[in-house]
Amino acid sequence: MKFIDFHADTLYRLFYQENRELGDLWENSCHVSLEHLRRSGYTAQMFACFLNLAKKPRLGSHYQDVLGMIDLFYQQTCRYEDKVRFAGSFQDYAENQKQGILSGFLTLEEGGVLENRMERLDELYEKGIRVINMTWNHENCLGYPHNAPHSGHRGLKPFGFEVLERMDELGIVADVSHLSDEGFQDIIRYGRRPVIATHSDARSLRAVSRNLSDAMIRQIADCGGIIGVNFYSDFLSDDPVSRISDIIRHCRHIINVGGEEVLGIGADFDGMDIELEINGVQDIGKLTEAMAANGFSERQAELICYRNAENFFYRYWGDSV
């Protein structure tokens, strides 16, 4: 079985580590390493440049930290170019596949680093960013997060609408994970291209604001978008352990609501310090075993694990050069 994952915070872990105690992108003590991705059958991994705007930046500004994580990614892909390469389009992904090389996509998890400067969006595109979370868990220049106070308008701000329009022009996917419900609706209403929820679960099964309502799941499906099921325990159930059985429940619910073609994987590896039954990419085979044991067909497992992601890449970037 092949696998594609929409969200991992491994670059963040490696960038902010001290004295290289975790290792590098090929071999490390994180949930995600190039070595284990290749051994486990992954064909693509989206690496998030994650930022917490409330945390002191390492390089003097949060934007410089983003550029630092991007530089780290390219240093590592250059060092291991026979094993992993950047992908910024469907064509890149397909070519890497032909050569048996893992594709690494770059994403940004915190649109607030734009700081009302549109030129930064163009620069980030040129540097390889292909997916942007409009917000993380803090209000920013683009809009409001899922946990914003329930008073007044909490959708996209004026600059957020400008950024959304430019993202559509450039070919940067709008990621609605972490965004407020009002911001989600603004993107669905005013965006011209499919959206992604890189790492989100079903609110009907776990009533937290970070998850997607059934209506949202259907809206993502209707626009040709995709959802990555998140392995974080707090989004799955009230069990502090990330259980495979709970991941299966959310997978089944999301495809029942949105159809078989709406779901992929967005494990959120290296973004959580909890006990996981799937404790890294080396354990991902446990997910397909559980799917088979719980009545998922081989076709459904393939769709969730990689085919839906490949089809989304083609729908969004198929005409890109």
C-alpha atoms as a PDB file:
ATOM      1  CA  MET A   1       0.000   0.000   0.000  1.00  0.00           C
ATOM      2  CA  LYS A   2       1.137   3.533  -0.780  1.00  0.00           C
ATOM      3  CA  PHE A   3       0.553   6.456   1.580  1.00  0.00           C
ATOM      4  CA  ILE A   4       0.343  10.236   1.317  1.00  0.00           C
ATOM      5  CA  ASP A   5       0.093  12.449   4.392  1.00  0.00           C
ATOM      6  CA  PHE A   6      -1.091  16.068   4.380  1.00  0.00           C
ATOM      7  CA  HIS A   7       0.408  17.330   7.633  1.00  0.00           C
ATOM      8  CA  ALA A   8       3.498  16.821   9.779  1.00  0.00           C
ATOM      9  CA  ASP A   9       5.294  19.334  12.008  1.00  0.00           C
ATOM     10  CA  THR A  10       8.685  17.647  11.657  1.00  0.00           C
ATOM     11  CA  LEU A  11      10.433  20.689  10.169  1.00  0.00           C
ATOM     12  CA  TYR A  12       9.327  22.714  13.192  1.00  0.00           C
ATOM     13  CA  ARG A  13      10.741  20.093  15.563  1.00  0.00           C
ATOM     14  CA  LEU A  14      14.066  19.941  13.753  1.00  0.00           C
ATOM     15  CA  PHE A  15      14.381  23.702  13.252  1.00  0.00           C
ATOM     16  CA  TYR A  16      13.875  24.562  16.917  1.00  0.00           C
ATOM     17  CA  GLN A  17      15.901  21.678  18.341  1.00  0.00           C
ATOM     18  CA  GLU A  18      19.066  22.402  20.284  1.00  0.00           C
ATOM     19  CA  ASN A  19      22.395  20.697  19.605  1.00  0.00           C
ATOM     20  CA  ARG A  20      20.808  18.458  16.935  1.00  0.00           C
ATOM     21  CA  GLU A  21      19.634  16.032  19.607  1.00  0.00           C
ATOM     22  CA  LEU A  22      16.724  14.865  17.432  1.00  0.00           C
ATOM     23  CA  GLY A  23      18.774  14.137  14.292  1.00  0.00           C
ATOM     24  CA  ASP A  24      18.072  15.259  10.729  1.00  0.00           C
ATOM     25  CA  LEU A  25      15.252  14.657   8.274  1.00  0.00           C
ATOM     26  CA  TRP A  26      16.623  11.289   7.150  1.00  0.00           C
ATOM     27  CA  GLU A  27      17.098   9.721  10.569  1.00  0.00           C
ATOM     28  CA  ASN A  28      15.678  11.151  13.782  1.00  0.00           C
ATOM     29  CA  SER A  29      13.678  10.434  16.919  1.00  0.00           C
ATOM     30  CA  CYS A  30      10.561  12.181  15.568  1.00  0.00           C
ATOM     31  CA  HIS A  31       7.360  10.605  14.295  1.00  0.00           C
ATOM     32  CA  VAL A  32       8.459  11.291  10.710  1.00  0.00           C
ATOM     33  CA  SER A  33      11.796  10.560   9.052  1.00  0.00           C
ATOM     34  CA  LEU A  34      12.674  10.129   5.396  1.00  0.00           C
ATOM     35  CA  GLU A  35      14.031   6.672   6.170  1.00  0.00           C
ATOM     36  CA  HIS A  36      10.752   5.457   7.673  1.00  0.00           C
ATOM     37  CA  LEU A  37       8.613   7.235   5.060  1.00  0.00           C
ATOM     38  CA  ARG A  38      10.389   5.325   2.296  1.00  0.00           C
ATOM     39  CA  ARG A  39      10.358   1.992   4.124  1.00  0.00           C
ATOM     40  CA  SER A  40       6.645   2.331   4.883  1.00  0.00           C
ATOM     41  CA  GLY A  41       5.555   3.028   1.308  1.00  0.00           C
ATOM     42  CA  TYR A  42       4.906   6.770   1.396  1.00  0.00           C
ATOM     43  CA  THR A  43       5.037   8.541  -1.947  1.00  0.00           C
ATOM     44  CA  ALA A  44       4.485  12.063  -0.582  1.00  0.00           C
ATOM     45  CA  GLN A  45       4.610  13.958   2.703  1.00  0.00           C
ATOM     46  CA  MET A  46       3.486  17.528   3.262  1.00  0.00           C
ATOM     47  CA  PHE A  47       5.942  19.235   5.626  1.00  0.00           C
ATOM     48  CA  ALA A  48       4.439  22.164   7.540  1.00  0.00           C
ATOM     49  CA  CYS A  49       6.372  25.293   8.414  1.00  0.00           C
ATOM     50  CA  PHE A  50       4.520  25.762  11.687  1.00  0.00           C
ATOM     51  CA  LEU A  51       4.685  28.895  13.826  1.00  0.00           C
ATOM     52  CA  ASN A  52       3.286  29.888  17.182  1.00  0.00           C
ATOM     53  CA  LEU A  53       3.053  33.677  17.038  1.00  0.00           C
ATOM     54  CA  ALA A  54       3.012  33.791  20.840  1.00  0.00           C
ATOM     55  CA  LYS A  55       6.449  32.174  20.963  1.00  0.00           C
ATOM     56  CA  LYS A  56       9.691  34.126  20.633  1.00  0.00           C
ATOM     57  CA  PRO A  57      11.168  33.581  17.160  1.00  0.00           C
ATOM     58  CA  ARG A  58      14.543  31.957  16.781  1.00  0.00           C
ATOM     59  CA  LEU A  59      15.896  34.181  13.988  1.00  0.00           C
ATOM     60  CA  GLY A  60      14.574  37.596  15.029  1.00  0.00           C
ATOM     61  CA  SER A  61      11.146  37.461  13.377  1.00  0.00           C
ATOM     62  CA  HIS A  62       8.529  34.829  12.724  1.00  0.00           C
ATOM     63  CA  TYR A  63       8.846  35.376   8.990  1.00  0.00           C
ATOM     64  CA  GLN A  64      12.569  34.726   9.159  1.00  0.00           C
ATOM     65  CA  ASP A  65      11.815  31.514  11.036  1.00  0.00           C
ATOM     66  CA  VAL A  66       9.560  30.395   8.167  1.00  0.00           C
ATOM     67  CA  LEU A  67      12.363  31.081   5.692  1.00  0.00           C
ATOM     68  CA  GLY A  68      14.708  29.177   7.995  1.00  0.00           C
ATOM     69  CA  MET A  69      12.471  26.101   7.969  1.00  0.00           C
ATOM     70  CA  ILE A  70      12.226  26.285   4.181  1.00  0.00           C
ATOM     71  CA  ASP A  71      16.021  26.497   3.960  1.00  0.00           C
ATOM     72  CA  LEU A  72      16.313  23.477   6.260  1.00  0.00           C
ATOM     73  CA  PHE A  73      13.979  21.523   3.998  1.00  0.00           C
ATOM     74  CA  TYR A  74      16.054  22.276   0.899  1.00  0.00           C
ATOM     75  CA  GLN A  75      19.331  21.541   2.692  1.00  0.00           C
ATOM     76  CA  GLN A  76      17.959  18.125   3.610  1.00  0.00           C
ATOM     77  CA  THR A  77      16.447  17.349   0.197  1.00  0.00           C
ATOM     78  CA  CYS A  78      19.752  18.342  -1.430  1.00  0.00           C
ATOM     79  CA  ARG A  79      21.673  16.046   0.922  1.00  0.00           C
ATOM     80  CA  TYR A  80      19.316  13.144   0.209  1.00  0.00           C
ATOM     81  CA  GLU A  81      18.311  14.009  -3.358  1.00  0.00           C
ATOM     82  CA  ASP A  82      18.358  10.374  -4.439  1.00  0.00           C
ATOM     83  CA  LYS A  83      15.620   9.654  -1.877  1.00  0.00           C
ATOM     84  CA  VAL A  84      13.432  12.792  -1.635  1.00  0.00           C
ATOM     85  CA  ARG A  85      12.722  15.824  -3.804  1.00  0.00           C
ATOM     86  CA  PHE A  86      10.544  18.902  -3.612  1.00  0.00           C
ATOM     87  CA  ALA A  87       7.170  18.717  -5.338  1.00  0.00           C
ATOM     88  CA  GLY A  88       5.180  21.820  -6.157  1.00  0.00           C
ATOM     89  CA  SER A  89       2.753  20.415  -8.704  1.00  0.00           C
ATOM     90  CA  PHE A  90       1.102  17.223  -9.854  1.00  0.00           C
ATOM     91  CA  GLN A  91       3.733  16.916 -12.557  1.00  0.00           C
ATOM     92  CA  ASP A  92       6.521  17.080  -9.979  1.00  0.00           C
ATOM     93  CA  TYR A  93       4.833  14.380  -7.943  1.00  0.00           C
ATOM     94  CA  ALA A  94       4.289  12.135 -10.981  1.00  0.00           C
ATOM     95  CA  GLU A  95       7.903  12.516 -12.120  1.00  0.00           C
ATOM     96  CA  ASN A  96       9.229  11.727  -8.654  1.00  0.00           C
ATOM     97  CA  GLN A  97       7.005   8.649  -8.573  1.00  0.00           C
ATOM     98  CA  LYS A  98       8.444   7.400 -11.860  1.00  0.00           C
ATOM     99  CA  GLN A  99      11.916   7.639 -10.375  1.00  0.00           C
ATOM    100  CA  GLY A 100      10.959   5.998  -7.090  1.00  0.00           C
ATOM    101  CA  ILE A 101      11.638   9.198  -5.151  1.00  0.00           C
ATOM    102  CA  LEU A 102       9.574  10.529  -2.244  1.00  0.00           C
ATOM    103  CA  SER A 103       7.860  13.878  -2.870  1.00  0.00           C
ATOM    104  CA  GLY A 104       8.117  16.564  -0.220  1.00  0.00           C
ATOM    105  CA  PHE A 105       5.517  19.352  -0.372  1.00  0.00           C
ATOM    106  CA  LEU A 106       5.922  22.540   1.672  1.00  0.00           C
ATOM    107  CA  THR A 107       3.038  24.092   3.591  1.00  0.00           C
ATOM    108  CA  LEU A 108       2.669  27.058   5.945  1.00  0.00           C
ATOM    109  CA  GLU A 109       0.743  26.661   9.195  1.00  0.00           C
ATOM    110  CA  GLU A 110       0.112  30.277  10.227  1.00  0.00           C
ATOM    111  CA  GLY A 111      -0.830  32.839   7.600  1.00  0.00           C
ATOM    112  CA  GLY A 112      -0.258  35.603  10.126  1.00  0.00           C
ATOM    113  CA  VAL A 113       3.418  35.772   9.150  1.00  0.00           C
ATOM    114  CA  LEU A 114       2.349  37.708   6.046  1.00  0.00           C
ATOM    115  CA  GLU A 115       1.764  40.704   8.350  1.00  0.00           C
ATOM    116  CA  ASN A 116      -0.326  42.557   5.742  1.00  0.00           C
ATOM    117  CA  ARG A 117       2.492  42.330   3.177  1.00  0.00           C
ATOM    118  CA  MET A 118       1.259  40.723  -0.036  1.00  0.00           C
ATOM    119  CA  GLU A 119       4.771  40.496  -1.452  1.00  0.00           C
ATOM    120  CA  ARG A 120       5.537  37.877   1.176  1.00  0.00           C
ATOM    121  CA  LEU A 121       2.875  35.591  -0.287  1.00  0.00           C
ATOM    122  CA  ASP A 122       4.530  35.748  -3.701  1.00  0.00           C
ATOM    123  CA  GLU A 123       7.945  35.147  -2.141  1.00  0.00           C
ATOM    124  CA  LEU A 124       6.686  32.109  -0.239  1.00  0.00           C
ATOM    125  CA  TYR A 125       5.176  30.705  -3.424  1.00  0.00           C
ATOM    126  CA  GLU A 126       8.487  31.145  -5.227  1.00  0.00           C
ATOM    127  CA  LYS A 127      10.198  29.335  -2.346  1.00  0.00           C
ATOM    128  CA  GLY A 128       7.830  26.386  -2.679  1.00  0.00           C
ATOM    129  CA  ILE A 129       4.891  26.906  -0.302  1.00  0.00           C
ATOM    130  CA  ARG A 130       1.822  25.283  -1.857  1.00  0.00           C
ATOM    131  CA  VAL A 131      -0.680  25.131   1.046  1.00  0.00           C
ATOM    132  CA  ILE A 132      -1.399  27.787   3.687  1.00  0.00           C
ATOM    133  CA  ASN A 133      -3.389  27.551   6.910  1.00  0.00           C
ATOM    134  CA  MET A 134      -5.076  30.933   7.092  1.00  0.00           C
ATOM    135  CA  THR A 135      -4.751  30.861  10.898  1.00  0.00           C
ATOM    136  CA  TRP A 136      -3.358  28.673  13.631  1.00  0.00           C
ATOM    137  CA  ASN A 137      -4.876  29.238  17.095  1.00  0.00           C
ATOM    138  CA  HIS A 138      -4.460  33.017  17.229  1.00  0.00           C
ATOM    139  CA  GLU A 139      -6.244  35.893  15.515  1.00  0.00           C
ATOM    140  CA  ASN A 140      -4.057  37.303  12.759  1.00  0.00           C
ATOM    141  CA  CYS A 141      -4.109  39.684   9.801  1.00  0.00           C
ATOM    142  CA  LEU A 142      -6.128  37.203   7.705  1.00  0.00           C
ATOM    143  CA  GLY A 143      -8.879  36.216  10.099  1.00  0.00           C
ATOM    144  CA  TYR A 144      -9.903  34.367  13.221  1.00  0.00           C
ATOM    145  CA  PRO A 145      -9.206  30.856  14.492  1.00  0.00           C
ATOM    146  CA  HIS A 146     -11.684  28.203  15.558  1.00  0.00           C
ATOM    147  CA  ASN A 147     -11.298  29.186  19.238  1.00  0.00           C
ATOM    148  CA  ALA A 148     -11.992  32.915  18.814  1.00  0.00           C
ATOM    149  CA  PRO A 149     -14.622  34.441  21.162  1.00  0.00           C
ATOM    150  CA  HIS A 150     -18.170  34.051  19.857  1.00  0.00           C
ATOM    151  CA  SER A 151     -18.916  37.741  19.421  1.00  0.00           C
ATOM    152  CA  GLY A 152     -18.982  39.865  16.306  1.00  0.00           C
ATOM    153  CA  HIS A 153     -17.862  38.763  12.861  1.00  0.00           C
ATOM    154  CA  ARG A 154     -15.140  36.113  13.000  1.00  0.00           C
ATOM    155  CA  GLY A 155     -14.617  35.465   9.305  1.00  0.00           C
ATOM    156  CA  LEU A 156     -11.852  36.602   6.987  1.00  0.00           C
ATOM    157  CA  LYS A 157     -10.543  40.133   7.371  1.00  0.00           C
ATOM    158  CA  PRO A 158     -10.185  42.434   4.314  1.00  0.00           C
ATOM    159  CA  PHE A 159      -6.549  41.410   3.845  1.00  0.00           C
ATOM    160  CA  GLY A 160      -7.635  37.771   4.194  1.00  0.00           C
ATOM    161  CA  PHE A 161      -9.922  38.133   1.185  1.00  0.00           C
ATOM    162  CA  GLU A 162      -7.100  39.729  -0.820  1.00  0.00           C
ATOM    163  CA  VAL A 163      -4.770  36.887   0.121  1.00  0.00           C
ATOM    164  CA  LEU A 164      -7.373  34.251  -0.795  1.00  0.00           C
ATOM    165  CA  GLU A 165      -7.765  35.793  -4.241  1.00  0.00           C
ATOM    166  CA  ARG A 166      -4.010  35.851  -4.794  1.00  0.00           C
ATOM    167  CA  MET A 167      -3.625  32.277  -3.516  1.00  0.00           C
ATOM    168  CA  ASP A 168      -6.180  31.138  -6.088  1.00  0.00           C
ATOM    169  CA  GLU A 169      -4.197  32.949  -8.803  1.00  0.00           C
ATOM    170  CA  LEU A 170      -0.853  31.489  -7.752  1.00  0.00           C
ATOM    171  CA  GLY A 171      -2.000  27.953  -7.036  1.00  0.00           C
ATOM    172  CA  ILE A 172      -1.674  27.883  -3.251  1.00  0.00           C
ATOM    173  CA  VAL A 173      -4.331  25.735  -1.578  1.00  0.00           C
ATOM    174  CA  ALA A 174      -6.370  27.315   1.226  1.00  0.00           C
ATOM    175  CA  ASP A 175      -6.202  25.090   4.309  1.00  0.00           C
ATOM    176  CA  VAL A 176      -9.288  25.474   6.512  1.00  0.00           C
ATOM    177  CA  SER A 177      -8.019  23.459   9.490  1.00  0.00           C
ATOM    178  CA  HIS A 178      -7.829  25.738  12.575  1.00  0.00           C
ATOM    179  CA  LEU A 179     -10.041  28.377  10.950  1.00  0.00           C
ATOM    180  CA  SER A 180     -13.255  29.747  12.478  1.00  0.00           C
ATOM    181  CA  ASP A 181     -16.565  28.501  11.102  1.00  0.00           C
ATOM    182  CA  GLU A 182     -17.238  31.957   9.633  1.00  0.00           C
ATOM    183  CA  GLY A 183     -13.822  32.019   7.984  1.00  0.00           C
ATOM    184  CA  PHE A 184     -14.488  28.571   6.564  1.00  0.00           C
ATOM    185  CA  GLN A 185     -17.720  29.810   5.008  1.00  0.00           C
ATOM    186  CA  ASP A 186     -15.970  32.869   3.549  1.00  0.00           C
ATOM    187  CA  ILE A 187     -13.430  30.642   1.811  1.00  0.00           C
ATOM    188  CA  ILE A 188     -16.107  28.289   0.486  1.00  0.00           C
ATOM    189  CA  ARG A 189     -18.199  31.237  -0.715  1.00  0.00           C
ATOM    190  CA  TYR A 190     -15.497  33.431  -2.237  1.00  0.00           C
ATOM    191  CA  GLY A 191     -12.685  31.039  -3.130  1.00  0.00           C
ATOM    192  CA  ARG A 192     -12.543  29.805  -6.717  1.00  0.00           C
ATOM    193  CA  ARG A 193     -10.673  26.536  -6.184  1.00  0.00           C
ATOM    194  CA  PRO A 194     -10.947  23.375  -4.069  1.00  0.00           C
ATOM    195  CA  VAL A 195      -9.932  23.616  -0.422  1.00  0.00           C
ATOM    196  CA  ILE A 196      -8.171  21.270   1.960  1.00  0.00           C
ATOM    197  CA  ALA A 197      -8.583  20.551   5.663  1.00  0.00           C
ATOM    198  CA  THR A 198      -5.136  19.046   6.118  1.00  0.00           C
ATOM    199  CA  HIS A 199      -5.662  17.686   9.635  1.00  0.00           C
ATOM    200  CA  SER A 200      -9.232  17.685  10.958  1.00  0.00           C
ATOM    201  CA  ASP A 201     -11.797  15.199  12.247  1.00  0.00           C
ATOM    202  CA  ALA A 202     -15.604  14.965  12.555  1.00  0.00           C
ATOM    203  CA  ARG A 203     -17.375  17.268  14.991  1.00  0.00           C
ATOM    204  CA  SER A 204     -20.383  14.948  15.137  1.00  0.00           C
ATOM    205  CA  LEU A 205     -18.181  12.328  16.825  1.00  0.00           C
ATOM    206  CA  ARG A 206     -16.065  14.686  18.925  1.00  0.00           C
ATOM    207  CA  ALA A 207     -17.636  18.066  19.614  1.00  0.00           C
ATOM    208  CA  VAL A 208     -14.598  20.343  19.564  1.00  0.00           C
ATOM    209  CA  SER A 209     -14.314  23.507  17.498  1.00  0.00           C
ATOM    210  CA  ARG A 210     -11.227  22.225  15.658  1.00  0.00           C
ATOM    211  CA  ASN A 211     -13.295  19.530  13.986  1.00  0.00           C
ATOM    212  CA  LEU A 212     -15.577  19.799  10.968  1.00  0.00           C
ATOM    213  CA  SER A 213     -19.353  19.730  11.118  1.00  0.00           C
ATOM    214  CA  ASP A 214     -21.201  17.398   8.762  1.00  0.00           C
ATOM    215  CA  ALA A 215     -22.254  20.419   6.701  1.00  0.00           C
ATOM    216  CA  MET A 216     -18.600  21.454   6.351  1.00  0.00           C
ATOM    217  CA  ILE A 217     -17.606  17.936   5.297  1.00  0.00           C
ATOM    218  CA  ARG A 218     -20.240  18.022   2.555  1.00  0.00           C
ATOM    219  CA  GLN A 219     -19.158  21.512   1.436  1.00  0.00           C
ATOM    220  CA  ILE A 220     -15.546  20.374   1.123  1.00  0.00           C
ATOM    221  CA  ALA A 221     -16.663  17.377  -0.918  1.00  0.00           C
ATOM    222  CA  ASP A 222     -18.909  19.519  -3.118  1.00  0.00           C
ATOM    223  CA  CYS A 223     -16.064  21.885  -4.067  1.00  0.00           C
ATOM    224  CA  GLY A 224     -13.717  19.019  -4.950  1.00  0.00           C
ATOM    225  CA  GLY A 225     -11.710  19.427  -1.759  1.00  0.00           C
ATOM    226  CA  ILE A 226     -10.229  16.893   0.632  1.00  0.00           C
ATOM    227  CA  ILE A 227      -9.867  16.219   4.369  1.00  0.00           C
ATOM    228  CA  GLY A 228      -6.922  14.631   6.171  1.00  0.00           C
ATOM    229  CA  VAL A 229      -8.004  12.567   9.183  1.00  0.00           C
ATOM    230  CA  ASN A 230      -6.110  13.729  12.274  1.00  0.00           C
ATOM    231  CA  PHE A 231      -4.630  11.231  14.764  1.00  0.00           C
ATOM    232  CA  TYR A 232      -4.568  13.665  17.725  1.00  0.00           C
ATOM    233  CA  SER A 233      -6.470  12.077  20.609  1.00  0.00           C
ATOM    234  CA  ASP A 234      -8.347  15.199  21.723  1.00  0.00           C
ATOM    235  CA  PHE A 235      -9.954  15.506  18.287  1.00  0.00           C
ATOM    236  CA  LEU A 236     -10.874  11.805  18.178  1.00  0.00           C
ATOM    237  CA  SER A 237     -12.500  11.107  21.552  1.00  0.00           C
ATOM    238  CA  ASP A 238     -12.189  11.767  25.278  1.00  0.00           C
ATOM    239  CA  ASP A 239      -9.528   9.057  25.554  1.00  0.00           C
ATOM    240  CA  PRO A 240      -6.072  10.595  26.156  1.00  0.00           C
ATOM    241  CA  VAL A 241      -4.551   7.885  23.960  1.00  0.00           C
ATOM    242  CA  SER A 242      -4.813   8.105  20.175  1.00  0.00           C
ATOM    243  CA  ARG A 243      -6.651   4.861  19.406  1.00  0.00           C
ATOM    244  CA  ILE A 244      -6.796   3.231  15.990  1.00  0.00           C
ATOM    245  CA  SER A 245     -10.436   2.342  16.649  1.00  0.00           C
ATOM    246  CA  ASP A 246     -11.267   6.044  17.004  1.00  0.00           C
ATOM    247  CA  ILE A 247      -9.430   6.924  13.794  1.00  0.00           C
ATOM    248  CA  ILE A 248     -11.485   4.243  12.034  1.00  0.00           C
ATOM    249  CA  ARG A 249     -14.730   5.702  13.470  1.00  0.00           C
ATOM    250  CA  HIS A 250     -13.898   9.142  12.112  1.00  0.00           C
ATOM    251  CA  CYS A 251     -12.862   7.738   8.729  1.00  0.00           C
ATOM    252  CA  ARG A 252     -16.147   5.865   8.408  1.00  0.00           C
ATOM    253  CA  HIS A 253     -18.225   8.874   9.447  1.00  0.00           C
ATOM    254  CA  ILE A 254     -16.470  11.295   7.094  1.00  0.00           C
ATOM    255  CA  ILE A 255     -16.869   9.060   4.036  1.00  0.00           C
ATOM    256  CA  ASN A 256     -20.487   8.318   4.986  1.00  0.00           C
ATOM    257  CA  VAL A 257     -21.188  12.060   5.061  1.00  0.00           C
ATOM    258  CA  GLY A 258     -18.952  13.346   2.265  1.00  0.00           C
ATOM    259  CA  GLY A 259     -18.370  10.320   0.074  1.00  0.00           C
ATOM    260  CA  GLU A 260     -15.418   8.001  -0.448  1.00  0.00           C
ATOM    261  CA  GLU A 261     -13.402  10.550  -2.414  1.00  0.00           C
ATOM    262  CA  VAL A 262     -13.227  13.278   0.261  1.00  0.00           C
ATOM    263  CA  LEU A 263     -10.882  11.612   2.752  1.00  0.00           C
ATOM    264  CA  GLY A 264      -7.115  11.281   3.069  1.00  0.00           C
ATOM    265  CA  ILE A 265      -4.575  11.198   5.896  1.00  0.00           C
ATOM    266  CA  GLY A 266      -3.329  14.213   7.858  1.00  0.00           C
ATOM    267  CA  ALA A 267      -1.938  12.515  10.945  1.00  0.00           C
ATOM    268  CA  ASP A 268      -0.445  15.648  12.566  1.00  0.00           C
ATOM    269  CA  PHE A 269       2.709  13.717  13.421  1.00  0.00           C
ATOM    270  CA  ASP A 270       5.309  15.685  15.401  1.00  0.00           C
ATOM    271  CA  GLY A 271       2.600  18.150  16.383  1.00  0.00           C
ATOM    272  CA  MET A 272       1.580  16.292  19.529  1.00  0.00           C
ATOM    273  CA  ASP A 273       3.191  14.813  22.617  1.00  0.00           C
ATOM    274  CA  ILE A 274       0.762  12.050  23.482  1.00  0.00           C
ATOM    275  CA  GLU A 275       0.567   8.264  23.442  1.00  0.00           C
ATOM    276  CA  LEU A 276      -0.355   6.976  19.986  1.00  0.00           C
ATOM    277  CA  GLU A 277      -1.155   3.457  18.850  1.00  0.00           C
ATOM    278  CA  ILE A 278       0.192   4.543  15.462  1.00  0.00           C
ATOM    279  CA  ASN A 279       3.359   6.048  16.883  1.00  0.00           C
ATOM    280  CA  GLY A 280       4.918   7.366  13.698  1.00  0.00           C
ATOM    281  CA  VAL A 281       4.993   6.658   9.989  1.00  0.00           C
ATOM    282  CA  GLN A 282       6.686   3.310  10.607  1.00  0.00           C
ATOM    283  CA  ASP A 283       3.396   2.090  12.153  1.00  0.00           C
ATOM    284  CA  ILE A 284       1.059   3.256   9.394  1.00  0.00           C
ATOM    285  CA  GLY A 285       0.426  -0.307   8.252  1.00  0.00           C
ATOM    286  CA  LYS A 286      -1.655  -0.738  11.409  1.00  0.00           C
ATOM    287  CA  LEU A 287      -4.218   1.617   9.866  1.00  0.00           C
ATOM    288  CA  THR A 288      -4.779  -0.502   6.759  1.00  0.00           C
ATOM    289  CA  GLU A 289      -4.941  -3.644   8.886  1.00  0.00           C
ATOM    290  CA  ALA A 290      -7.666  -2.003  10.978  1.00  0.00           C
ATOM    291  CA  MET A 291      -9.521  -0.884   7.863  1.00  0.00           C
ATOM    292  CA  ALA A 292      -9.615  -4.440   6.558  1.00  0.00           C
ATOM    293  CA  ALA A 293     -10.701  -5.776   9.948  1.00  0.00           C
ATOM    294  CA  ASN A 294     -13.521  -3.218  10.117  1.00  0.00           C
ATOM    295  CA  GLY A 295     -15.058  -3.892   6.731  1.00  0.00           C
ATOM    296  CA  PHE A 296     -13.397  -1.253   4.559  1.00  0.00           C
ATOM    297  CA  SER A 297     -12.889  -2.567   1.037  1.00  0.00           C
ATOM    298  CA  GLU A 298      -9.439  -2.626  -0.536  1.00  0.00           C
ATOM    299  CA  ARG A 299     -10.604   0.140  -2.870  1.00  0.00           C
ATOM    300  CA  GLN A 300     -11.732   2.319   0.048  1.00  0.00           C
ATOM    301  CA  ALA A 301      -8.406   1.814   1.822  1.00  0.00           C
ATOM    302  CA  GLU A 302      -6.498   2.789  -1.315  1.00  0.00           C
ATOM    303  CA  LEU A 303      -8.642   5.895  -1.781  1.00  0.00           C
ATOM    304  CA  ILE A 304      -8.030   7.060   1.782  1.00  0.00           C
ATOM    305  CA  CYS A 305      -4.342   6.162   1.908  1.00  0.00           C
ATOM    306  CA  TYR A 306      -3.234   7.709  -1.384  1.00  0.00           C
ATOM    307  CA  ARG A 307      -5.568   7.754  -4.398  1.00  0.00           C
ATOM    308  CA  ASN A 308      -7.779  10.606  -3.178  1.00  0.00           C
ATOM    309  CA  ALA A 309      -4.669  12.668  -2.452  1.00  0.00           C
ATOM    310  CA  GLU A 310      -3.257  11.974  -5.918  1.00  0.00           C
ATOM    311  CA  ASN A 311      -6.578  12.926  -7.496  1.00  0.00           C
ATOM    312  CA  PHE A 312      -6.654  16.136  -5.469  1.00  0.00           C
ATOM    313  CA  PHE A 313      -3.125  17.004  -6.634  1.00  0.00           C
ATOM    314  CA  TYR A 314      -4.286  16.535 -10.208  1.00  0.00           C
ATOM    315  CA  ARG A 315      -7.507  18.528  -9.766  1.00  0.00           C
ATOM    316  CA  TYR A 316      -5.654  21.435  -8.202  1.00  0.00           C
ATOM    317  CA  TRP A 317      -2.274  21.430  -9.963  1.00  0.00           C
ATOM    318  CA  GLY A 318      -2.830  19.232 -13.015  1.00  0.00           C
ATOM    319  CA  ASP A 319      -2.323  22.104 -15.440  1.00  0.00           C
ATOM    320  CA  SER A 320       0.646  23.553 -13.545  1.00  0.00           C
ATOM    321  CA  VAL A 321       4.108  23.488 -15.062  1.00  0.00           C
END
